[in-house]
Amino acid sequence: MSVPVEVAVRDLLDTARALYGGDAPAQLDDLERRLAEPLRLAIAGIVKAGKSTLLNAIVGERVAATDAGECTRLVTWYRHATTRSVSVVARDGTSTRLPIHRAAAGHFAFDLNLPVDDVDRVEVGWPAPALKRVVLIDTPGIASLSPGTTARATGFLAPDEAAPAADAIIYLLRRLHPADMRFLAAFRDTAAGSSSTTRVSACGASIRACCR
């Protein structure tokens, strides 16, 4: 009988910690913490590919805006929490809790208190059962007209010098666009993409097909 992957990884981490003794590197703590967390699933695609719509379908509630214009300019993490909360994490690592309210369109909204370029990510805590099993990450649209938006998306999804923060990526396609081809080629050519540390699944225009 084969050993489950999670058990094998835990055994490997325990062996590494025993070999290091009291000099175990911080990376082991990071790996053990990641192993205990739910899967980190990023949703990506060009502007208006349906990223926020898919996220809302998975959560089962309209938490992400899906208006006609660009709705996601920042990397936004959705985690399970007992109460609703929104925090903005700056590039210097400081975190600030923000008041939230419902917008006229029905989704939740908040007022960002920092310039967009100073923000690393937005952290949303939400009491949705689906988020107990997965951390969802809504990413800015590729091929955005907003300065810096595409760079924030590609920098998060395919960093040049670090392992990606997401465990897997769903890439949405309405139709094959040159920007899709450029991003997927760039992702493949990164060290992370070449080593297959992150799995990418490309989905067509049908949100229902992606959720099956």
N, C-alpha and C. Protein backbone atom coordinates (compact mmCIF):
# COMPACT_ATOMS: atom_id res chain seq x y z
N MET A 1 0.85 -1.19 0.00
CA MET A 1 0.00 0.00 0.00
C MET A 1 0.90 1.25 0.00
N SER A 2 0.64 2.18 -0.91
CA SER A 2 1.45 3.38 -1.01
C SER A 2 1.15 4.32 0.14
N VAL A 3 2.16 5.08 0.54
CA VAL A 3 2.02 6.04 1.63
C VAL A 3 1.44 7.33 1.07
N PRO A 4 0.41 7.92 1.70
CA PRO A 4 -0.13 9.20 1.22
C PRO A 4 0.97 10.25 1.15
N VAL A 5 0.88 11.12 0.15
CA VAL A 5 1.92 12.12 -0.08
C VAL A 5 2.11 13.00 1.15
N GLU A 6 1.02 13.42 1.79
CA GLU A 6 1.15 14.30 2.95
C GLU A 6 1.93 13.62 4.07
N VAL A 7 1.65 12.33 4.30
CA VAL A 7 2.36 11.59 5.35
C VAL A 7 3.84 11.48 5.01
N ALA A 8 4.15 11.21 3.73
CA ALA A 8 5.54 11.08 3.31
C ALA A 8 6.29 12.40 3.49
N VAL A 9 5.62 13.50 3.17
CA VAL A 9 6.27 14.81 3.33
C VAL A 9 6.51 15.12 4.80
N ARG A 10 5.52 14.81 5.64
CA ARG A 10 5.70 15.05 7.08
C ARG A 10 6.87 14.21 7.63
N ASP A 11 6.97 12.97 7.18
CA ASP A 11 8.09 12.13 7.62
C ASP A 11 9.42 12.72 7.17
N LEU A 12 9.45 13.25 5.95
CA LEU A 12 10.68 13.84 5.43
C LEU A 12 11.07 15.08 6.25
N LEU A 13 10.09 15.92 6.59
CA LEU A 13 10.37 17.10 7.40
C LEU A 13 10.85 16.71 8.80
N ASP A 14 10.23 15.68 9.38
CA ASP A 14 10.67 15.21 10.70
C ASP A 14 12.11 14.70 10.65
N THR A 15 12.45 13.98 9.57
CA THR A 15 13.81 13.46 9.42
C THR A 15 14.81 14.61 9.28
N ALA A 16 14.44 15.62 8.48
CA ALA A 16 15.32 16.77 8.30
C ALA A 16 15.54 17.51 9.61
N ARG A 17 14.46 17.68 10.38
CA ARG A 17 14.58 18.39 11.66
C ARG A 17 15.47 17.61 12.63
N ALA A 18 15.34 16.29 12.63
CA ALA A 18 16.17 15.47 13.51
C ALA A 18 17.65 15.56 13.13
N LEU A 19 17.92 15.61 11.82
CA LEU A 19 19.31 15.71 11.36
C LEU A 19 19.93 17.06 11.71
N TYR A 20 19.12 18.11 11.61
CA TYR A 20 19.63 19.44 11.94
C TYR A 20 19.78 19.64 13.45
N GLY A 21 19.01 18.91 14.23
CA GLY A 21 19.04 19.10 15.67
C GLY A 21 18.52 20.47 16.05
N GLY A 22 19.29 21.19 16.87
CA GLY A 22 18.85 22.51 17.30
C GLY A 22 19.15 23.62 16.32
N ASP A 23 19.74 23.26 15.16
CA ASP A 23 20.11 24.28 14.17
C ASP A 23 19.22 24.21 12.93
N ALA A 24 18.00 23.76 13.08
CA ALA A 24 17.09 23.64 11.94
C ALA A 24 16.81 25.01 11.33
N PRO A 25 16.88 25.15 10.01
CA PRO A 25 16.63 26.45 9.37
C PRO A 25 15.15 26.84 9.45
N ALA A 26 14.91 28.13 9.30
CA ALA A 26 13.53 28.64 9.37
C ALA A 26 12.66 28.07 8.25
N GLN A 27 13.30 27.67 7.15
CA GLN A 27 12.51 27.12 6.04
C GLN A 27 11.72 25.90 6.45
N LEU A 28 12.24 25.11 7.39
CA LEU A 28 11.48 23.94 7.84
C LEU A 28 10.20 24.36 8.54
N ASP A 29 10.26 25.42 9.34
CA ASP A 29 9.05 25.93 9.99
C ASP A 29 8.04 26.39 8.94
N ASP A 30 8.55 27.08 7.91
CA ASP A 30 7.66 27.57 6.85
C ASP A 30 6.99 26.41 6.12
N LEU A 31 7.76 25.37 5.83
CA LEU A 31 7.20 24.21 5.12
C LEU A 31 6.16 23.48 5.96
N GLU A 32 6.43 23.32 7.26
CA GLU A 32 5.47 22.65 8.13
C GLU A 32 4.19 23.47 8.26
N ARG A 33 4.34 24.78 8.32
CA ARG A 33 3.16 25.64 8.40
C ARG A 33 2.33 25.56 7.13
N ARG A 34 3.01 25.56 5.96
CA ARG A 34 2.30 25.45 4.70
C ARG A 34 1.57 24.12 4.58
N LEU A 35 2.19 23.05 5.06
CA LEU A 35 1.59 21.73 4.97
C LEU A 35 0.32 21.64 5.80
N ALA A 36 0.26 22.40 6.89
CA ALA A 36 -0.91 22.38 7.76
C ALA A 36 -2.05 23.26 7.23
N GLU A 37 -1.75 24.13 6.27
CA GLU A 37 -2.77 25.05 5.73
C GLU A 37 -3.58 24.37 4.63
N PRO A 38 -4.74 24.94 4.30
CA PRO A 38 -5.48 24.47 3.13
C PRO A 38 -4.70 24.78 1.85
N LEU A 39 -5.08 24.13 0.76
CA LEU A 39 -4.49 24.39 -0.54
C LEU A 39 -4.65 25.86 -0.91
N ARG A 40 -3.59 26.46 -1.44
CA ARG A 40 -3.65 27.84 -1.93
C ARG A 40 -3.91 27.81 -3.43
N LEU A 41 -5.09 28.25 -3.84
CA LEU A 41 -5.51 28.19 -5.24
C LEU A 41 -5.66 29.60 -5.79
N ALA A 42 -4.82 29.96 -6.75
CA ALA A 42 -4.91 31.28 -7.38
C ALA A 42 -5.76 31.19 -8.63
N ILE A 43 -6.52 32.24 -8.88
CA ILE A 43 -7.35 32.33 -10.08
C ILE A 43 -6.80 33.48 -10.93
N ALA A 44 -6.45 33.18 -12.19
CA ALA A 44 -5.77 34.15 -13.04
C ALA A 44 -6.43 34.21 -14.42
N GLY A 45 -6.03 35.22 -15.19
CA GLY A 45 -6.55 35.39 -16.54
C GLY A 45 -6.48 36.85 -16.93
N ILE A 46 -6.78 37.14 -18.19
CA ILE A 46 -6.77 38.53 -18.62
C ILE A 46 -7.97 39.25 -18.02
N VAL A 47 -8.01 40.56 -18.18
CA VAL A 47 -9.10 41.38 -17.65
C VAL A 47 -10.45 40.85 -18.16
N LYS A 48 -11.41 40.74 -17.24
CA LYS A 48 -12.78 40.30 -17.54
C LYS A 48 -12.86 38.87 -18.07
N ALA A 49 -11.95 38.01 -17.63
CA ALA A 49 -12.02 36.60 -18.02
C ALA A 49 -13.01 35.83 -17.17
N GLY A 50 -13.46 36.42 -16.05
CA GLY A 50 -14.40 35.73 -15.18
C GLY A 50 -13.80 35.26 -13.87
N LYS A 51 -12.67 35.82 -13.49
CA LYS A 51 -11.97 35.38 -12.28
C LYS A 51 -12.82 35.57 -11.02
N SER A 52 -13.34 36.78 -10.85
CA SER A 52 -14.13 37.05 -9.65
C SER A 52 -15.45 36.27 -9.66
N THR A 53 -16.02 36.06 -10.84
CA THR A 53 -17.24 35.27 -10.95
C THR A 53 -17.00 33.84 -10.49
N LEU A 54 -15.88 33.26 -10.92
CA LEU A 54 -15.55 31.90 -10.50
C LEU A 54 -15.30 31.85 -9.00
N LEU A 55 -14.58 32.84 -8.47
CA LEU A 55 -14.31 32.87 -7.03
C LEU A 55 -15.62 32.90 -6.24
N ASN A 56 -16.54 33.75 -6.67
CA ASN A 56 -17.83 33.83 -5.99
C ASN A 56 -18.60 32.51 -6.06
N ALA A 57 -18.48 31.82 -7.20
CA ALA A 57 -19.17 30.54 -7.35
C ALA A 57 -18.60 29.49 -6.40
N ILE A 58 -17.29 29.50 -6.21
CA ILE A 58 -16.66 28.55 -5.30
C ILE A 58 -17.04 28.85 -3.86
N VAL A 59 -16.99 30.15 -3.50
CA VAL A 59 -17.32 30.56 -2.13
C VAL A 59 -18.80 30.36 -1.84
N GLY A 60 -19.65 30.53 -2.86
CA GLY A 60 -21.08 30.41 -2.65
C GLY A 60 -21.73 31.69 -2.19
N GLU A 61 -21.02 32.80 -2.36
CA GLU A 61 -21.52 34.11 -1.94
C GLU A 61 -20.79 35.17 -2.75
N ARG A 62 -21.46 36.28 -3.01
CA ARG A 62 -20.83 37.33 -3.81
C ARG A 62 -19.92 38.18 -2.92
N VAL A 63 -18.68 37.76 -2.82
CA VAL A 63 -17.71 38.50 -2.02
C VAL A 63 -16.79 39.35 -2.89
N ALA A 64 -16.57 38.96 -4.14
CA ALA A 64 -15.69 39.71 -5.04
C ALA A 64 -16.54 40.47 -6.05
N ALA A 65 -16.12 41.69 -6.36
CA ALA A 65 -16.86 42.52 -7.31
C ALA A 65 -16.77 41.93 -8.72
N THR A 66 -17.86 42.04 -9.48
CA THR A 66 -17.89 41.52 -10.85
C THR A 66 -18.48 42.56 -11.80
N ASP A 67 -18.18 43.83 -11.58
CA ASP A 67 -18.74 44.90 -12.39
C ASP A 67 -18.12 44.92 -13.78
N ALA A 68 -18.63 45.83 -14.63
CA ALA A 68 -18.19 45.87 -16.03
C ALA A 68 -16.74 46.28 -16.17
N GLY A 69 -16.25 47.15 -15.31
CA GLY A 69 -14.87 47.60 -15.40
C GLY A 69 -13.93 46.64 -14.72
N GLU A 70 -12.64 47.03 -14.62
CA GLU A 70 -11.67 46.21 -13.91
C GLU A 70 -11.97 46.26 -12.42
N CYS A 71 -12.15 45.11 -11.82
CA CYS A 71 -12.55 45.05 -10.41
C CYS A 71 -11.41 44.68 -9.49
N THR A 72 -10.41 44.00 -9.99
CA THR A 72 -9.33 43.51 -9.13
C THR A 72 -8.02 44.12 -9.58
N ARG A 73 -7.51 45.05 -8.82
CA ARG A 73 -6.22 45.66 -9.13
C ARG A 73 -5.14 45.19 -8.18
N LEU A 74 -5.54 44.46 -7.14
CA LEU A 74 -4.60 43.99 -6.14
C LEU A 74 -4.75 42.48 -5.95
N VAL A 75 -3.68 41.82 -5.57
CA VAL A 75 -3.76 40.41 -5.19
C VAL A 75 -4.57 40.33 -3.90
N THR A 76 -5.64 39.54 -3.92
CA THR A 76 -6.55 39.47 -2.77
C THR A 76 -6.71 38.02 -2.33
N TRP A 77 -6.37 37.76 -1.06
CA TRP A 77 -6.45 36.43 -0.48
C TRP A 77 -7.77 36.29 0.28
N TYR A 78 -8.46 35.17 0.08
CA TYR A 78 -9.71 34.88 0.80
C TYR A 78 -9.48 33.63 1.65
N ARG A 79 -9.54 33.82 2.97
CA ARG A 79 -9.34 32.73 3.92
C ARG A 79 -10.58 32.55 4.78
N HIS A 80 -10.71 31.36 5.35
CA HIS A 80 -11.84 31.13 6.25
C HIS A 80 -11.60 31.85 7.57
N ALA A 81 -12.66 32.45 8.09
CA ALA A 81 -12.62 33.13 9.39
C ALA A 81 -14.01 33.06 10.01
N THR A 82 -14.08 33.18 11.32
CA THR A 82 -15.38 33.12 11.99
C THR A 82 -16.17 34.39 11.80
N THR A 83 -15.49 35.51 11.57
CA THR A 83 -16.16 36.79 11.31
C THR A 83 -15.56 37.43 10.06
N ARG A 84 -16.31 38.30 9.42
CA ARG A 84 -15.83 38.96 8.21
C ARG A 84 -14.82 40.04 8.56
N SER A 85 -13.74 40.08 7.78
CA SER A 85 -12.71 41.08 8.02
C SER A 85 -11.94 41.34 6.74
N VAL A 86 -11.38 42.53 6.64
CA VAL A 86 -10.50 42.89 5.53
C VAL A 86 -9.30 43.61 6.10
N SER A 87 -8.11 43.17 5.70
CA SER A 87 -6.88 43.84 6.10
C SER A 87 -6.04 44.10 4.87
N VAL A 88 -5.35 45.22 4.86
CA VAL A 88 -4.43 45.54 3.78
C VAL A 88 -3.01 45.36 4.32
N VAL A 89 -2.19 44.61 3.58
CA VAL A 89 -0.82 44.35 3.98
C VAL A 89 0.09 45.17 3.07
N ALA A 90 0.86 46.08 3.66
CA ALA A 90 1.76 46.94 2.90
C ALA A 90 3.02 46.18 2.52
N ARG A 91 3.78 46.74 1.62
CA ARG A 91 5.02 46.09 1.17
C ARG A 91 6.05 46.01 2.28
N ASP A 92 5.93 46.86 3.30
CA ASP A 92 6.87 46.77 4.41
C ASP A 92 6.44 45.75 5.46
N GLY A 93 5.33 45.04 5.19
CA GLY A 93 4.87 43.99 6.07
C GLY A 93 3.84 44.41 7.10
N THR A 94 3.58 45.69 7.25
CA THR A 94 2.58 46.14 8.21
C THR A 94 1.18 45.84 7.71
N SER A 95 0.29 45.49 8.62
CA SER A 95 -1.08 45.13 8.28
C SER A 95 -2.06 46.07 8.98
N THR A 96 -3.07 46.52 8.25
CA THR A 96 -4.06 47.45 8.80
C THR A 96 -5.46 46.91 8.54
N ARG A 97 -6.26 46.80 9.58
CA ARG A 97 -7.65 46.34 9.45
C ARG A 97 -8.50 47.46 8.88
N LEU A 98 -9.36 47.14 7.92
CA LEU A 98 -10.19 48.13 7.26
C LEU A 98 -11.66 47.89 7.54
N PRO A 99 -12.47 48.96 7.68
CA PRO A 99 -13.92 48.77 7.79
C PRO A 99 -14.49 48.33 6.44
N ILE A 100 -15.50 47.48 6.46
CA ILE A 100 -16.12 46.99 5.23
C ILE A 100 -17.60 47.32 5.22
N HIS A 101 -18.14 47.40 4.00
CA HIS A 101 -19.57 47.65 3.84
C HIS A 101 -20.02 47.01 2.53
N ARG A 102 -21.31 46.91 2.36
CA ARG A 102 -21.86 46.36 1.13
C ARG A 102 -22.05 47.47 0.12
N ALA A 103 -21.53 47.25 -1.10
CA ALA A 103 -21.71 48.22 -2.18
C ALA A 103 -23.11 48.06 -2.76
N ALA A 104 -23.52 49.05 -3.55
CA ALA A 104 -24.86 49.02 -4.15
C ALA A 104 -25.05 47.80 -5.03
N ALA A 105 -23.96 47.32 -5.65
CA ALA A 105 -24.06 46.16 -6.54
C ALA A 105 -24.20 44.85 -5.78
N GLY A 106 -24.01 44.87 -4.46
CA GLY A 106 -24.22 43.68 -3.66
C GLY A 106 -22.97 43.05 -3.09
N HIS A 107 -21.82 43.30 -3.68
CA HIS A 107 -20.58 42.74 -3.15
C HIS A 107 -20.07 43.62 -2.02
N PHE A 108 -19.12 43.09 -1.22
CA PHE A 108 -18.58 43.90 -0.14
C PHE A 108 -17.57 44.89 -0.71
N ALA A 109 -17.35 45.98 0.00
CA ALA A 109 -16.41 47.02 -0.45
C ALA A 109 -15.66 47.56 0.75
N PHE A 110 -14.53 48.18 0.48
CA PHE A 110 -13.74 48.79 1.53
C PHE A 110 -12.96 49.96 0.92
N ASP A 111 -12.54 50.87 1.76
CA ASP A 111 -11.78 52.03 1.31
C ASP A 111 -10.31 51.80 1.61
N LEU A 112 -9.50 51.69 0.55
CA LEU A 112 -8.08 51.46 0.71
C LEU A 112 -7.41 52.73 1.24
N ASN A 113 -6.61 52.56 2.27
CA ASN A 113 -5.98 53.73 2.90
C ASN A 113 -4.53 53.92 2.50
N LEU A 114 -4.09 53.22 1.44
CA LEU A 114 -2.72 53.32 0.96
C LEU A 114 -2.73 53.45 -0.56
N PRO A 115 -1.72 54.10 -1.14
CA PRO A 115 -1.58 54.05 -2.60
C PRO A 115 -1.45 52.59 -3.05
N VAL A 116 -2.03 52.28 -4.19
CA VAL A 116 -2.03 50.90 -4.68
C VAL A 116 -0.60 50.35 -4.79
N ASP A 117 0.33 51.17 -5.22
CA ASP A 117 1.71 50.70 -5.41
C ASP A 117 2.40 50.36 -4.09
N ASP A 118 1.85 50.81 -2.96
CA ASP A 118 2.45 50.51 -1.65
C ASP A 118 1.87 49.25 -1.02
N VAL A 119 0.90 48.63 -1.69
CA VAL A 119 0.19 47.48 -1.13
C VAL A 119 0.76 46.17 -1.67
N ASP A 120 1.04 45.23 -0.77
CA ASP A 120 1.48 43.90 -1.19
C ASP A 120 0.28 43.02 -1.52
N ARG A 121 -0.73 43.02 -0.64
CA ARG A 121 -1.92 42.20 -0.86
C ARG A 121 -3.04 42.65 0.06
N VAL A 122 -4.23 42.17 -0.24
CA VAL A 122 -5.39 42.36 0.63
C VAL A 122 -5.77 41.00 1.20
N GLU A 123 -6.01 40.92 2.50
CA GLU A 123 -6.40 39.68 3.17
C GLU A 123 -7.87 39.78 3.59
N VAL A 124 -8.69 38.86 3.10
CA VAL A 124 -10.11 38.84 3.43
C VAL A 124 -10.41 37.59 4.25
N GLY A 125 -10.98 37.79 5.42
CA GLY A 125 -11.48 36.67 6.21
C GLY A 125 -12.98 36.56 6.04
N TRP A 126 -13.48 35.35 5.75
CA TRP A 126 -14.91 35.21 5.43
C TRP A 126 -15.42 33.87 5.97
N PRO A 127 -16.58 33.86 6.62
CA PRO A 127 -17.10 32.62 7.22
C PRO A 127 -17.83 31.73 6.22
N ALA A 128 -17.14 31.36 5.14
CA ALA A 128 -17.73 30.49 4.13
C ALA A 128 -17.17 29.08 4.30
N PRO A 129 -18.02 28.05 4.38
CA PRO A 129 -17.53 26.68 4.56
C PRO A 129 -16.51 26.26 3.51
N ALA A 130 -16.67 26.73 2.26
CA ALA A 130 -15.75 26.32 1.20
C ALA A 130 -14.32 26.76 1.48
N LEU A 131 -14.16 27.84 2.22
CA LEU A 131 -12.83 28.36 2.50
C LEU A 131 -12.12 27.58 3.60
N LYS A 132 -12.79 26.63 4.22
CA LYS A 132 -12.11 25.75 5.17
C LYS A 132 -11.19 24.78 4.43
N ARG A 133 -11.51 24.52 3.17
CA ARG A 133 -10.75 23.53 2.40
C ARG A 133 -9.71 24.15 1.47
N VAL A 134 -9.87 25.43 1.15
CA VAL A 134 -8.99 26.06 0.18
C VAL A 134 -8.88 27.55 0.47
N VAL A 135 -7.68 28.08 0.30
CA VAL A 135 -7.46 29.53 0.32
C VAL A 135 -7.52 30.00 -1.13
N LEU A 136 -8.45 30.90 -1.44
CA LEU A 136 -8.59 31.40 -2.80
C LEU A 136 -7.85 32.72 -2.95
N ILE A 137 -7.17 32.89 -4.07
CA ILE A 137 -6.39 34.10 -4.32
C ILE A 137 -6.83 34.69 -5.65
N ASP A 138 -7.49 35.84 -5.58
CA ASP A 138 -7.94 36.55 -6.78
C ASP A 138 -6.80 37.46 -7.24
N THR A 139 -6.41 37.34 -8.50
CA THR A 139 -5.26 38.10 -8.99
C THR A 139 -5.69 39.18 -9.98
N PRO A 140 -4.90 40.25 -10.10
CA PRO A 140 -5.22 41.30 -11.09
C PRO A 140 -5.22 40.74 -12.50
N GLY A 141 -5.97 41.39 -13.37
CA GLY A 141 -6.09 40.92 -14.74
C GLY A 141 -4.82 41.13 -15.55
N ILE A 142 -4.46 40.11 -16.32
CA ILE A 142 -3.36 40.23 -17.28
C ILE A 142 -3.83 41.15 -18.41
N ALA A 143 -2.92 41.89 -19.01
CA ALA A 143 -3.21 42.82 -20.11
C ALA A 143 -4.12 43.95 -19.65
N SER A 144 -3.93 44.40 -18.43
CA SER A 144 -4.71 45.51 -17.89
C SER A 144 -4.26 46.83 -18.48
N LEU A 145 -5.19 47.79 -18.54
CA LEU A 145 -4.86 49.14 -18.97
C LEU A 145 -4.35 49.98 -17.81
N SER A 146 -4.52 49.50 -16.58
CA SER A 146 -4.07 50.24 -15.41
C SER A 146 -2.57 50.02 -15.20
N PRO A 147 -1.82 51.10 -15.03
CA PRO A 147 -0.37 50.96 -14.85
C PRO A 147 -0.03 50.07 -13.65
N GLY A 148 0.84 49.13 -13.85
CA GLY A 148 1.31 48.28 -12.76
C GLY A 148 0.44 47.09 -12.45
N THR A 149 -0.80 47.04 -12.95
CA THR A 149 -1.71 45.95 -12.58
C THR A 149 -1.22 44.61 -13.12
N THR A 150 -0.86 44.57 -14.40
CA THR A 150 -0.35 43.33 -14.97
C THR A 150 0.93 42.89 -14.28
N ALA A 151 1.79 43.86 -13.95
CA ALA A 151 3.05 43.52 -13.27
C ALA A 151 2.79 42.90 -11.91
N ARG A 152 1.76 43.38 -11.19
CA ARG A 152 1.43 42.78 -9.90
C ARG A 152 0.97 41.35 -10.07
N ALA A 153 0.19 41.09 -11.11
CA ALA A 153 -0.30 39.73 -11.34
C ALA A 153 0.84 38.78 -11.69
N THR A 154 1.67 39.16 -12.66
CA THR A 154 2.75 38.27 -13.09
C THR A 154 3.80 38.12 -12.00
N GLY A 155 4.04 39.20 -11.24
CA GLY A 155 5.01 39.11 -10.16
C GLY A 155 4.58 38.15 -9.08
N PHE A 156 3.28 38.05 -8.83
CA PHE A 156 2.77 37.11 -7.83
C PHE A 156 2.73 35.69 -8.38
N LEU A 157 2.22 35.53 -9.60
CA LEU A 157 2.01 34.19 -10.15
C LEU A 157 3.30 33.53 -10.60
N ALA A 158 4.23 34.31 -11.12
CA ALA A 158 5.47 33.74 -11.65
C ALA A 158 6.65 34.60 -11.22
N PRO A 159 6.98 34.61 -9.93
CA PRO A 159 8.10 35.44 -9.46
C PRO A 159 9.43 34.95 -10.05
N ASP A 160 10.34 35.89 -10.26
CA ASP A 160 11.61 35.56 -10.90
C ASP A 160 12.54 34.77 -9.99
N GLU A 161 12.58 35.12 -8.71
CA GLU A 161 13.62 34.57 -7.84
C GLU A 161 13.09 33.81 -6.63
N ALA A 162 11.80 33.66 -6.51
CA ALA A 162 11.24 32.97 -5.34
C ALA A 162 10.22 31.93 -5.79
N ALA A 163 9.94 31.01 -4.90
CA ALA A 163 8.89 30.04 -5.18
C ALA A 163 7.54 30.75 -5.15
N PRO A 164 6.61 30.38 -6.02
CA PRO A 164 5.30 31.02 -6.02
C PRO A 164 4.54 30.75 -4.74
N ALA A 165 3.74 31.74 -4.30
CA ALA A 165 2.98 31.59 -3.07
C ALA A 165 1.79 30.66 -3.25
N ALA A 166 1.31 30.51 -4.49
CA ALA A 166 0.16 29.64 -4.76
C ALA A 166 0.62 28.21 -5.00
N ASP A 167 -0.18 27.24 -4.55
CA ASP A 167 0.11 25.83 -4.81
C ASP A 167 -0.37 25.40 -6.19
N ALA A 168 -1.43 26.06 -6.68
CA ALA A 168 -2.00 25.72 -7.98
C ALA A 168 -2.67 26.97 -8.54
N ILE A 169 -2.81 27.00 -9.87
CA ILE A 169 -3.40 28.15 -10.54
C ILE A 169 -4.46 27.65 -11.52
N ILE A 170 -5.63 28.28 -11.48
CA ILE A 170 -6.63 28.10 -12.54
C ILE A 170 -6.53 29.33 -13.44
N TYR A 171 -6.22 29.12 -14.71
CA TYR A 171 -6.10 30.22 -15.67
C TYR A 171 -7.32 30.21 -16.58
N LEU A 172 -8.10 31.28 -16.53
CA LEU A 172 -9.35 31.34 -17.29
C LEU A 172 -9.16 31.96 -18.67
N LEU A 173 -9.83 31.39 -19.65
CA LEU A 173 -9.75 31.87 -21.03
C LEU A 173 -11.16 32.09 -21.57
N ARG A 174 -11.43 33.29 -22.08
CA ARG A 174 -12.66 33.48 -22.85
C ARG A 174 -12.44 33.00 -24.29
N ARG A 175 -11.33 33.41 -24.82
CA ARG A 175 -10.82 32.93 -26.10
C ARG A 175 -9.32 33.12 -26.03
N LEU A 176 -8.59 32.45 -26.89
CA LEU A 176 -7.14 32.53 -26.83
C LEU A 176 -6.68 33.90 -27.30
N HIS A 177 -6.11 34.68 -26.39
CA HIS A 177 -5.68 36.05 -26.64
C HIS A 177 -4.15 36.06 -26.63
N PRO A 178 -3.52 36.94 -27.42
CA PRO A 178 -2.04 37.00 -27.39
C PRO A 178 -1.47 37.21 -25.99
N ALA A 179 -2.18 37.96 -25.16
CA ALA A 179 -1.70 38.17 -23.79
C ALA A 179 -1.71 36.87 -23.00
N ASP A 180 -2.69 36.00 -23.26
CA ASP A 180 -2.71 34.68 -22.61
C ASP A 180 -1.48 33.88 -23.01
N MET A 181 -1.18 33.89 -24.29
CA MET A 181 -0.04 33.13 -24.79
C MET A 181 1.25 33.65 -24.18
N ARG A 182 1.40 34.97 -24.09
CA ARG A 182 2.62 35.54 -23.53
C ARG A 182 2.79 35.16 -22.07
N PHE A 183 1.69 35.24 -21.31
CA PHE A 183 1.80 34.92 -19.89
C PHE A 183 2.11 33.44 -19.69
N LEU A 184 1.39 32.57 -20.37
CA LEU A 184 1.60 31.13 -20.18
C LEU A 184 3.00 30.72 -20.61
N ALA A 185 3.53 31.36 -21.66
CA ALA A 185 4.90 31.06 -22.09
C ALA A 185 5.90 31.54 -21.04
N ALA A 186 5.66 32.75 -20.50
CA ALA A 186 6.56 33.28 -19.47
C ALA A 186 6.51 32.42 -18.21
N PHE A 187 5.32 31.97 -17.85
CA PHE A 187 5.18 31.12 -16.67
C PHE A 187 5.94 29.81 -16.86
N ARG A 188 5.83 29.25 -18.04
CA ARG A 188 6.53 27.99 -18.33
C ARG A 188 8.03 28.16 -18.24
N ASP A 189 8.52 29.35 -18.61
CA ASP A 189 9.96 29.57 -18.67
C ASP A 189 10.58 29.97 -17.34
N THR A 190 9.77 30.23 -16.31
CA THR A 190 10.33 30.56 -15.01
C THR A 190 10.90 29.29 -14.38
N ALA A 191 11.79 29.46 -13.42
CA ALA A 191 12.36 28.30 -12.72
C ALA A 191 11.27 27.52 -12.02
N ALA A 192 10.29 28.25 -11.45
CA ALA A 192 9.19 27.57 -10.76
C ALA A 192 8.37 26.76 -11.73
N GLY A 193 8.07 27.35 -12.91
CA GLY A 193 7.28 26.64 -13.88
C GLY A 193 8.00 25.43 -14.43
N SER A 194 9.30 25.57 -14.65
CA SER A 194 10.07 24.46 -15.21
C SER A 194 10.15 23.28 -14.25
N SER A 195 10.17 23.59 -12.94
CA SER A 195 10.28 22.51 -11.96
C SER A 195 8.93 21.95 -11.55
N SER A 196 7.87 22.50 -12.13
CA SER A 196 6.51 22.01 -11.87
C SER A 196 6.13 22.08 -10.40
N THR A 197 6.61 23.13 -9.68
CA THR A 197 6.23 23.26 -8.28
C THR A 197 4.83 23.82 -8.15
N THR A 198 4.33 24.43 -9.20
CA THR A 198 2.97 24.96 -9.20
C THR A 198 2.23 24.38 -10.38
N ARG A 199 1.01 23.90 -10.16
CA ARG A 199 0.22 23.32 -11.23
C ARG A 199 -0.72 24.36 -11.80
N VAL A 200 -0.82 24.41 -13.13
CA VAL A 200 -1.70 25.35 -13.80
C VAL A 200 -2.73 24.57 -14.60
N SER A 201 -3.99 24.97 -14.44
CA SER A 201 -5.06 24.40 -15.23
C SER A 201 -5.73 25.53 -15.99
N ALA A 202 -5.84 25.40 -17.32
CA ALA A 202 -6.49 26.43 -18.12
C ALA A 202 -7.93 26.02 -18.39
N CYS A 203 -8.85 26.95 -18.12
CA CYS A 203 -10.27 26.68 -18.33
C CYS A 203 -10.83 27.63 -19.37
N GLY A 204 -11.79 27.15 -20.14
CA GLY A 204 -12.44 27.98 -21.14
C GLY A 204 -13.46 28.91 -20.54
N ALA A 205 -14.31 29.45 -21.40
CA ALA A 205 -15.21 30.51 -20.97
C ALA A 205 -16.29 30.02 -20.01
N SER A 206 -16.62 28.75 -20.02
CA SER A 206 -17.72 28.27 -19.19
C SER A 206 -17.29 28.11 -17.75
N ILE A 207 -17.84 28.95 -16.88
CA ILE A 207 -17.54 28.83 -15.45
C ILE A 207 -18.05 27.49 -14.93
N ARG A 208 -19.17 27.04 -15.43
CA ARG A 208 -19.73 25.77 -14.96
C ARG A 208 -18.75 24.64 -15.23
N ALA A 209 -18.10 24.66 -16.39
CA ALA A 209 -17.15 23.60 -16.72
C ALA A 209 -15.99 23.60 -15.76
N CYS A 210 -15.56 24.79 -15.29
CA CYS A 210 -14.43 24.86 -14.36
C CYS A 210 -14.81 24.34 -12.98
N CYS A 211 -16.05 24.46 -12.62
CA CYS A 211 -16.47 24.09 -11.27
C CYS A 211 -16.85 22.62 -11.16
N ARG A 212 -16.99 21.92 -12.25
CA ARG A 212 -17.41 20.52 -12.19
C ARG A 212 -16.36 19.66 -11.54
